[in-house]
PDB file of N, CA and C in Angstrom:
ATOM      1  N   PRO A   1       1.412 -19.706   2.378  1.00  0.00           N
ATOM      2  CA  PRO A   1       2.479 -20.286   2.395  1.00  0.00           C
ATOM      3  C   PRO A   1       3.943 -20.192   1.776  1.00  0.00           C
ATOM      4  N   VAL A   2       3.915 -19.480   1.359  1.00  0.00           N
ATOM      5  CA  VAL A   2       5.358 -19.015   0.317  1.00  0.00           C
ATOM      6  C   VAL A   2       5.998 -18.070   1.317  1.00  0.00           C
ATOM      7  N   MET A   3       5.210 -16.952   1.890  1.00  0.00           N
ATOM      8  CA  MET A   3       5.965 -15.962   2.697  1.00  0.00           C
ATOM      9  C   MET A   3       5.862 -16.801   3.960  1.00  0.00           C
ATOM     10  N   LEU A   4       5.291 -17.726   4.530  1.00  0.00           N
ATOM     11  CA  LEU A   4       5.565 -18.306   5.684  1.00  0.00           C
ATOM     12  C   LEU A   4       6.896 -19.333   5.935  1.00  0.00           C
ATOM     13  N   ALA A   5       7.068 -19.383   4.776  1.00  0.00           N
ATOM     14  CA  ALA A   5       8.358 -20.151   4.599  1.00  0.00           C
ATOM     15  C   ALA A   5       9.448 -19.539   4.578  1.00  0.00           C
ATOM     16  N   LEU A   6       9.366 -18.227   3.826  1.00  0.00           N
ATOM     17  CA  LEU A   6      10.278 -17.127   3.723  1.00  0.00           C
ATOM     18  C   LEU A   6      10.130 -16.392   4.808  1.00  0.00           C
ATOM     19  N   SER A   7       9.520 -16.551   5.778  1.00  0.00           N
ATOM     20  CA  SER A   7       9.557 -15.799   7.025  1.00  0.00           C
ATOM     21  C   SER A   7      10.545 -16.370   8.219  1.00  0.00           C
ATOM     22  N   PHE A   8      10.261 -17.742   7.897  1.00  0.00           N
ATOM     23  CA  PHE A   8      10.837 -18.748   8.771  1.00  0.00           C
ATOM     24  C   PHE A   8      12.643 -18.895   8.827  1.00  0.00           C
ATOM     25  N   ALA A   9      12.774 -18.773   7.143  1.00  0.00           N
ATOM     26  CA  ALA A   9      13.987 -19.221   6.226  1.00  0.00           C
ATOM     27  C   ALA A   9      14.676 -17.284   6.940  1.00  0.00           C
ATOM     28  N   THR A  10      14.254 -16.467   7.061  1.00  0.00           N
ATOM     29  CA  THR A  10      14.644 -14.783   7.568  1.00  0.00           C
ATOM     30  C   THR A  10      14.971 -14.699   8.732  1.00  0.00           C
ATOM     31  N   LEU A  11      14.219 -15.519   9.701  1.00  0.00           N
ATOM     32  CA  LEU A  11      13.981 -14.985  10.795  1.00  0.00           C
ATOM     33  C   LEU A  11      15.537 -15.225  11.746  1.00  0.00           C
ATOM     34  N   PRO A  12      15.319 -13.430  12.493  1.00  0.00           N
ATOM     35  CA  PRO A  12      16.468 -13.466  12.888  1.00  0.00           C
ATOM     36  C   PRO A  12      16.634 -14.267  14.662  1.00  0.00           C
ATOM     37  N   PRO A  13      17.885 -14.765  15.041  1.00  0.00           N
ATOM     38  CA  PRO A  13      18.041 -15.703  15.772  1.00  0.00           C
ATOM     39  C   PRO A  13      17.469 -14.965  17.240  1.00  0.00           C
ATOM     40  N   SER A  14      17.131 -13.639  17.346  1.00  0.00           N
ATOM     41  CA  SER A  14      16.859 -13.463  18.405  1.00  0.00           C
ATOM     42  C   SER A  14      16.168 -11.952  18.161  1.00  0.00           C
ATOM     43  N   PHE A  15      14.381 -11.952  18.440  1.00  0.00           N
ATOM     44  CA  PHE A  15      14.023 -10.890  18.311  1.00  0.00           C
ATOM     45  C   PHE A  15      14.724  -9.533  19.033  1.00  0.00           C
ATOM     46  N   ALA A  16      15.855  -9.579  19.954  1.00  0.00           N
ATOM     47  CA  ALA A  16      16.398  -8.560  20.280  1.00  0.00           C
ATOM     48  C   ALA A  16      17.600  -7.849  19.885  1.00  0.00           C
ATOM     49  N   ALA A  17      17.397  -8.512  18.664  1.00  0.00           N
ATOM     50  CA  ALA A  17      18.351  -8.570  17.716  1.00  0.00           C
ATOM     51  C   ALA A  17      17.796  -7.207  16.878  1.00  0.00           C
ATOM     52  N   VAL A  18      16.422  -7.162  16.565  1.00  0.00           N
ATOM     53  CA  VAL A  18      16.067  -6.444  15.666  1.00  0.00           C
ATOM     54  C   VAL A  18      15.501  -4.984  16.174  1.00  0.00           C
ATOM     55  N   GLY A  19      15.811  -4.071  15.582  1.00  0.00           N
ATOM     56  CA  GLY A  19      16.049  -2.631  16.192  1.00  0.00           C
ATOM     57  C   GLY A  19      14.965  -1.868  16.056  1.00  0.00           C
ATOM     58  N   SER A  20      14.883  -0.836  16.962  1.00  0.00           N
ATOM     59  CA  SER A  20      13.871  -0.027  17.373  1.00  0.00           C
ATOM     60  C   SER A  20      13.249   0.832  16.253  1.00  0.00           C
ATOM     61  N   GLY A  21      14.215   0.816  15.433  1.00  0.00           N
ATOM     62  CA  GLY A  21      13.128   1.400  13.906  1.00  0.00           C
ATOM     63  C   GLY A  21      12.700   0.352  13.227  1.00  0.00           C
ATOM     64  N   ALA A  22      12.773  -0.889  13.243  1.00  0.00           N
ATOM     65  CA  ALA A  22      12.258  -2.178  12.647  1.00  0.00           C
ATOM     66  C   ALA A  22      10.813  -1.705  13.014  1.00  0.00           C
ATOM     67  N   TRP A  23      10.941  -2.193  14.724  1.00  0.00           N
ATOM     68  CA  TRP A  23       9.876  -2.627  15.369  1.00  0.00           C
ATOM     69  C   TRP A  23       8.870  -1.241  15.503  1.00  0.00           C
ATOM     70  N   ILE A  24       8.751   0.256  15.380  1.00  0.00           N
ATOM     71  CA  ILE A  24       8.155   1.307  14.953  1.00  0.00           C
ATOM     72  C   ILE A  24       7.906   1.425  13.401  1.00  0.00           C
ATOM     73  N   GLY A  25       8.547   0.647  12.723  1.00  0.00           N
ATOM     74  CA  GLY A  25       7.747   0.634  10.716  1.00  0.00           C
ATOM     75  C   GLY A  25       6.869  -0.175  11.004  1.00  0.00           C
ATOM     76  N   LEU A  26       6.932  -1.503  11.756  1.00  0.00           N
ATOM     77  CA  LEU A  26       6.056  -2.649  11.775  1.00  0.00           C
ATOM     78  C   LEU A  26       4.511  -1.965  11.928  1.00  0.00           C
ATOM     79  N   GLY A  27       5.024  -1.503  13.302  1.00  0.00           N
ATOM     80  CA  GLY A  27       3.632  -0.640  13.910  1.00  0.00           C
ATOM     81  C   GLY A  27       3.162   0.373  13.309  1.00  0.00           C
ATOM     82  N   TYR A  28       3.748   1.002  12.611  1.00  0.00           N
ATOM     83  CA  TYR A  28       3.630   2.075  11.638  1.00  0.00           C
ATOM     84  C   TYR A  28       2.217   1.751  10.342  1.00  0.00           C
ATOM     85  N   VAL A  29       2.855   0.581  10.159  1.00  0.00           N
ATOM     86  CA  VAL A  29       2.442  -0.242   8.900  1.00  0.00           C
ATOM     87  C   VAL A  29       1.408  -0.875   9.231  1.00  0.00           C
ATOM     88  N   SER A  30       1.218  -1.495  10.384  1.00  0.00           N
ATOM     89  CA  SER A  30       0.312  -2.141  10.669  1.00  0.00           C
ATOM     90  C   SER A  30      -1.026  -0.996  11.679  1.00  0.00           C
ATOM     91  N   LEU A  31      -0.769  -0.244  11.949  1.00  0.00           N
ATOM     92  CA  LEU A  31      -1.907   0.904  12.451  1.00  0.00           C
ATOM     93  C   LEU A  31      -2.494   1.633  11.493  1.00  0.00           C
ATOM     94  N   PHE A  32      -1.397   2.728  10.675  1.00  0.00           N
ATOM     95  CA  PHE A  32      -2.073   3.326   9.899  1.00  0.00           C
ATOM     96  C   PHE A  32      -2.402   2.595   8.459  1.00  0.00           C
ATOM     97  N   SER A  33      -1.549   2.126   8.264  1.00  0.00           N
ATOM     98  CA  SER A  33      -1.820   1.714   6.482  1.00  0.00           C
ATOM     99  C   SER A  33      -2.898   0.486   6.545  1.00  0.00           C
ATOM    100  N   MET A  34      -2.905  -0.461   7.521  1.00  0.00           N
ATOM    101  CA  MET A  34      -3.744  -1.689   7.268  1.00  0.00           C
ATOM    102  C   MET A  34      -5.276  -1.029   8.405  1.00  0.00           C
ATOM    103  N   LEU A  35      -5.233  -1.059   9.482  1.00  0.00           N
ATOM    104  CA  LEU A  35      -6.191  -0.840  10.500  1.00  0.00           C
ATOM    105  C   LEU A  35      -6.909   0.431  10.203  1.00  0.00           C
ATOM    106  N   ILE A  36      -6.442   1.465  10.040  1.00  0.00           N
ATOM    107  CA  ILE A  36      -7.088   2.962  10.273  1.00  0.00           C
ATOM    108  C   ILE A  36      -7.569   2.459   8.411  1.00  0.00           C
ATOM    109  N   GLY A  37      -6.742   2.351   7.307  1.00  0.00           N
ATOM    110  CA  GLY A  37      -7.419   2.482   6.090  1.00  0.00           C
ATOM    111  C   GLY A  37      -8.503   1.721   5.999  1.00  0.00           C
ATOM    112  N   PHE A  38      -8.467   0.242   6.177  1.00  0.00           N
ATOM    113  CA  PHE A  38      -9.579  -0.688   6.033  1.00  0.00           C
ATOM    114  C   PHE A  38     -10.883   0.061   6.893  1.00  0.00           C
ATOM    115  N   VAL A  39     -10.684   1.014   8.007  1.00  0.00           N
ATOM    116  CA  VAL A  39     -11.587   1.210   8.968  1.00  0.00           C
ATOM    117  C   VAL A  39     -12.301   2.039   7.985  1.00  0.00           C
ATOM    118  N   PHE A  40     -11.721   3.479   7.162  1.00  0.00           N
ATOM    119  CA  PHE A  40     -12.046   4.436   6.187  1.00  0.00           C
ATOM    120  C   PHE A  40     -12.673   3.759   4.875  1.00  0.00           C
ATOM    121  N   TRP A  41     -12.063   2.622   4.506  1.00  0.00           N
ATOM    122  CA  TRP A  41     -12.389   2.170   3.225  1.00  0.00           C
ATOM    123  C   TRP A  41     -13.800   1.174   3.269  1.00  0.00           C
ATOM    124  N   TYR A  42     -13.986   0.514   4.484  1.00  0.00           N
ATOM    125  CA  TYR A  42     -15.020   0.156   4.276  1.00  0.00           C
ATOM    126  C   TYR A  42     -16.367   0.517   5.178  1.00  0.00           C
ATOM    127  N   ARG A  43     -15.764   1.604   5.997  1.00  0.00           N
ATOM    128  CA  ARG A  43     -17.301   2.910   6.011  1.00  0.00           C
ATOM    129  C   ARG A  43     -17.718   3.599   5.173  1.00  0.00           C
ATOM    130  N   GLY A  44     -16.704   4.005   4.071  1.00  0.00           N
ATOM    131  CA  GLY A  44     -16.941   4.377   2.458  1.00  0.00           C
ATOM    132  C   GLY A  44     -17.541   3.276   1.857  1.00  0.00           C
ATOM    133  N   LEU A  45     -17.347   2.550   1.629  1.00  0.00           N
ATOM    134  CA  LEU A  45     -18.232   1.550   0.608  1.00  0.00           C
ATOM    135  C   LEU A  45     -19.580   1.074   1.278  1.00  0.00           C
ATOM    136  N   ALA A  46     -19.962   1.020   3.089  1.00  0.00           N
ATOM    137  CA  ALA A  46     -21.384   0.854   3.386  1.00  0.00           C
ATOM    138  C   ALA A  46     -21.687   2.291   2.999  1.00  0.00           C
ATOM    139  N   GLN A  47     -21.580   3.622   3.124  1.00  0.00           N
ATOM    140  CA  GLN A  47     -22.332   4.671   2.905  1.00  0.00           C
ATOM    141  C   GLN A  47     -22.320   4.981   1.227  1.00  0.00           C
ATOM    142  N   GLY A  48     -21.047   4.719   0.463  1.00  0.00           N
ATOM    143  CA  GLY A  48     -21.858   4.855  -0.813  1.00  0.00           C
ATOM    144  C   GLY A  48     -22.010   4.008  -2.123  1.00  0.00           C
ATOM    145  N   GLY A  49     -22.101   2.787  -1.452  1.00  0.00           N
ATOM    146  CA  GLY A  49     -22.426   1.462  -1.834  1.00  0.00           C
ATOM    147  C   GLY A  49     -21.207   0.704  -2.857  1.00  0.00           C
ATOM    148  N   ILE A  50     -21.048  -0.326  -2.947  1.00  0.00           N
ATOM    149  CA  ILE A  50     -19.741  -1.239  -3.375  1.00  0.00           C
ATOM    150  C   ILE A  50     -19.568  -0.601  -4.722  1.00  0.00           C
ATOM    151  N   ALA A  51     -20.563  -0.828  -5.673  1.00  0.00           N
ATOM    152  CA  ALA A  51     -20.458  -0.360  -6.957  1.00  0.00           C
ATOM    153  C   ALA A  51     -20.141   0.834  -7.701  1.00  0.00           C
ATOM    154  N   ALA A  52     -20.745   2.383  -6.674  1.00  0.00           N
ATOM    155  CA  ALA A  52     -20.013   3.364  -6.893  1.00  0.00           C
ATOM    156  C   ALA A  52     -18.506   3.418  -6.176  1.00  0.00           C
ATOM    157  N   VAL A  53     -18.276   3.299  -5.077  1.00  0.00           N
ATOM    158  CA  VAL A  53     -17.052   3.240  -4.487  1.00  0.00           C
ATOM    159  C   VAL A  53     -16.092   2.519  -4.975  1.00  0.00           C
ATOM    160  N   GLY A  54     -16.623   1.031  -5.340  1.00  0.00           N
ATOM    161  CA  GLY A  54     -15.312   0.642  -5.860  1.00  0.00           C
ATOM    162  C   GLY A  54     -14.726   1.386  -7.244  1.00  0.00           C
ATOM    163  N   GLN A  55     -15.620   1.930  -8.084  1.00  0.00           N
ATOM    164  CA  GLN A  55     -14.921   2.372  -9.126  1.00  0.00           C
ATOM    165  C   GLN A  55     -13.696   3.389  -8.998  1.00  0.00           C
ATOM    166  N   LEU A  56     -13.636   3.569  -7.665  1.00  0.00           N
ATOM    167  CA  LEU A  56     -12.358   4.627  -6.855  1.00  0.00           C
ATOM    168  C   LEU A  56     -10.800   3.987  -6.795  1.00  0.00           C
ATOM    169  N   GLN A  57     -11.115   2.615  -7.091  1.00  0.00           N
ATOM    170  CA  GLN A  57      -9.694   1.768  -7.034  1.00  0.00           C
ATOM    171  C   GLN A  57      -9.092   1.807  -8.571  1.00  0.00           C
ATOM    172  N   LEU A  58      -9.965   2.237  -9.444  1.00  0.00           N
ATOM    173  CA  LEU A  58      -9.693   2.372 -10.931  1.00  0.00           C
ATOM    174  C   LEU A  58      -8.594   3.316 -11.154  1.00  0.00           C
ATOM    175  N   LEU A  59      -8.668   4.548 -10.232  1.00  0.00           N
ATOM    176  CA  LEU A  59      -7.765   5.509 -10.070  1.00  0.00           C
ATOM    177  C   LEU A  59      -6.638   5.474  -9.321  1.00  0.00           C
ATOM    178  N   GLN A  60      -6.402   4.774  -8.796  1.00  0.00           N
ATOM    179  CA  GLN A  60      -5.538   4.131  -7.508  1.00  0.00           C
ATOM    180  C   GLN A  60      -3.980   4.411  -8.216  1.00  0.00           C
ATOM    181  N   PRO A  61      -3.559   3.545  -9.665  1.00  0.00           N
ATOM    182  CA  PRO A  61      -2.387   3.902  -9.839  1.00  0.00           C
ATOM    183  C   PRO A  61      -2.225   5.095 -10.303  1.00  0.00           C
ATOM    184  N   PHE A  62      -3.755   6.025 -11.061  1.00  0.00           N
ATOM    185  CA  PHE A  62      -3.263   7.729 -10.964  1.00  0.00           C
ATOM    186  C   PHE A  62      -2.507   8.425  -9.834  1.00  0.00           C
ATOM    187  N   PHE A  63      -2.873   8.138  -8.379  1.00  0.00           N
ATOM    188  CA  PHE A  63      -3.024   8.705  -7.419  1.00  0.00           C
ATOM    189  C   PHE A  63      -1.587   8.150  -7.054  1.00  0.00           C
ATOM    190  N   GLY A  64      -1.037   6.979  -6.795  1.00  0.00           N
ATOM    191  CA  GLY A  64       0.083   6.448  -6.580  1.00  0.00           C
ATOM    192  C   GLY A  64       1.075   7.314  -7.359  1.00  0.00           C
ATOM    193  N   LEU A  65       1.175   7.279  -8.869  1.00  0.00           N
ATOM    194  CA  LEU A  65       1.639   8.198  -9.927  1.00  0.00           C
ATOM    195  C   LEU A  65       1.926   9.352  -9.789  1.00  0.00           C
ATOM    196  N   ALA A  66       0.913   9.911  -8.769  1.00  0.00           N
ATOM    197  CA  ALA A  66       1.240  11.675  -8.830  1.00  0.00           C
ATOM    198  C   ALA A  66       1.643  11.742  -7.123  1.00  0.00           C
ATOM    199  N   LEU A  67       1.368  11.317  -6.250  1.00  0.00           N
ATOM    200  CA  LEU A  67       2.111  11.062  -5.252  1.00  0.00           C
ATOM    201  C   LEU A  67       3.294  11.002  -5.177  1.00  0.00           C
ATOM    202  N   ALA A  68       3.637  10.156  -6.097  1.00  0.00           N
ATOM    203  CA  ALA A  68       4.875   9.809  -6.132  1.00  0.00           C
ATOM    204  C   ALA A  68       5.867  10.819  -6.968  1.00  0.00           C
ATOM    205  N   ALA A  69       5.300  11.463  -7.444  1.00  0.00           N
ATOM    206  CA  ALA A  69       5.504  12.610  -8.458  1.00  0.00           C
ATOM    207  C   ALA A  69       5.963  13.979  -7.314  1.00  0.00           C
ATOM    208  N   SER A  70       4.538  14.194  -6.781  1.00  0.00           N
ATOM    209  CA  SER A  70       4.780  15.317  -5.769  1.00  0.00           C
ATOM    210  C   SER A  70       5.428  15.123  -4.676  1.00  0.00           C
ATOM    211  N   LEU A  71       5.000  14.013  -3.843  1.00  0.00           N
ATOM    212  CA  LEU A  71       5.618  13.946  -2.328  1.00  0.00           C
ATOM    213  C   LEU A  71       7.031  13.569  -2.461  1.00  0.00           C
ATOM    214  N   LEU A  72       7.639  12.211  -3.372  1.00  0.00           N
ATOM    215  CA  LEU A  72       8.943  11.736  -3.438  1.00  0.00           C
ATOM    216  C   LEU A  72       9.874  12.661  -4.706  1.00  0.00           C
ATOM    217  N   HIS A  73       9.472  13.469  -5.262  1.00  0.00           N
ATOM    218  CA  HIS A  73      10.343  13.744  -6.639  1.00  0.00           C
ATOM    219  C   HIS A  73      10.375  12.940  -7.328  1.00  0.00           C
ATOM    220  N   GLU A  74      10.199  11.713  -7.949  1.00  0.00           N
ATOM    221  CA  GLU A  74       9.798  10.851  -8.773  1.00  0.00           C
ATOM    222  C   GLU A  74       9.889  11.425  -9.986  1.00  0.00           C
ATOM    223  N   GLN A  75      10.640  11.271 -10.821  1.00  0.00           N
ATOM    224  CA  GLN A  75      10.624  11.486 -12.346  1.00  0.00           C
ATOM    225  C   GLN A  75       9.669  10.411 -13.272  1.00  0.00           C
ATOM    226  N   VAL A  76       8.677  11.170 -13.599  1.00  0.00           N
ATOM    227  CA  VAL A  76       7.714  10.850 -14.008  1.00  0.00           C
ATOM    228  C   VAL A  76       7.810  10.343 -15.496  1.00  0.00           C
ATOM    229  N   SER A  77       8.267   9.081 -16.367  1.00  0.00           N
ATOM    230  CA  SER A  77       8.389   9.131 -18.020  1.00  0.00           C
ATOM    231  C   SER A  77       7.050   8.697 -18.397  1.00  0.00           C
ATOM    232  N   PRO A  78       7.234   8.895 -19.528  1.00  0.00           N
ATOM    233  CA  PRO A  78       5.854   8.593 -20.378  1.00  0.00           C
ATOM    234  C   PRO A  78       5.255   7.253 -20.441  1.00  0.00           C
ATOM    235  N   LEU A  79       6.585   6.451 -20.410  1.00  0.00           N
ATOM    236  CA  LEU A  79       6.451   4.679 -20.095  1.00  0.00           C
ATOM    237  C   LEU A  79       5.442   4.447 -18.820  1.00  0.00           C
ATOM    238  N   MET A  80       5.383   5.185 -17.913  1.00  0.00           N
ATOM    239  CA  MET A  80       4.921   5.070 -16.015  1.00  0.00           C
ATOM    240  C   MET A  80       3.669   5.518 -16.935  1.00  0.00           C
ATOM    241  N   VAL A  81       3.367   6.355 -17.707  1.00  0.00           N
ATOM    242  CA  VAL A  81       1.744   6.878 -17.769  1.00  0.00           C
ATOM    243  C   VAL A  81       1.068   5.630 -18.572  1.00  0.00           C
ATOM    244  N   VAL A  82       1.839   5.238 -19.843  1.00  0.00           N
ATOM    245  CA  VAL A  82       1.307   4.313 -20.457  1.00  0.00           C
ATOM    246  C   VAL A  82       0.766   3.158 -19.691  1.00  0.00           C
ATOM    247  N   VAL A  83       1.797   2.643 -18.773  1.00  0.00           N
ATOM    248  CA  VAL A  83       1.600   1.660 -17.986  1.00  0.00           C
ATOM    249  C   VAL A  83       0.261   1.878 -16.862  1.00  0.00           C
ATOM    250  N   THR A  84      -0.404   3.311 -16.751  1.00  0.00           N
ATOM    251  CA  THR A  84      -0.716   3.464 -15.647  1.00  0.00           C
ATOM    252  C   THR A  84      -2.034   3.372 -16.542  1.00  0.00           C
ATOM    253  N   LEU A  85      -2.217   4.003 -17.608  1.00  0.00           N
ATOM    254  CA  LEU A  85      -3.564   3.769 -18.388  1.00  0.00           C
ATOM    255  C   LEU A  85      -3.535   2.527 -18.886  1.00  0.00           C
ATOM    256  N   GLY A  86      -2.357   1.394 -19.321  1.00  0.00           N
ATOM    257  CA  GLY A  86      -2.721   0.104 -19.452  1.00  0.00           C
ATOM    258  C   GLY A  86      -3.369  -0.969 -18.159  1.00  0.00           C
ATOM    259  N   VAL A  87      -3.173  -0.282 -17.244  1.00  0.00           N
ATOM    260  CA  VAL A  87      -3.631  -0.912 -15.667  1.00  0.00           C
ATOM    261  C   VAL A  87      -4.898  -0.574 -15.788  1.00  0.00           C
ATOM    262  N   VAL A  88      -5.786   0.606 -16.000  1.00  0.00           N
ATOM    263  CA  VAL A  88      -6.786   1.120 -15.869  1.00  0.00           C
ATOM    264  C   VAL A  88      -7.817   0.152 -16.811  1.00  0.00           C
ATOM    265  N   ALA A  89      -7.158   0.296 -18.518  1.00  0.00           N
ATOM    266  CA  ALA A  89      -7.935   0.011 -19.722  1.00  0.00           C
ATOM    267  C   ALA A  89      -8.000  -1.525 -19.260  1.00  0.00           C
TER     268      ALA A  89
END
């Protein structure tokens, strides 16, 4: 409900005012991270079992930190590693 109210509050006067980059970004996020990601995730759950595959979610903070450091050249501080360990614990 909160996001719906915020959506209406920030709605542009016309959708023609929204740039093509924003539409391409929305399409990319909708297609790749949501649709295709969920297809692979649920197919993996069906093949490997919920108990086994669900444990992979515990590795997500580590993968996020490693990908941010390697692909985006983010500086990884010791505090980030401690917080990542805290999320898993």
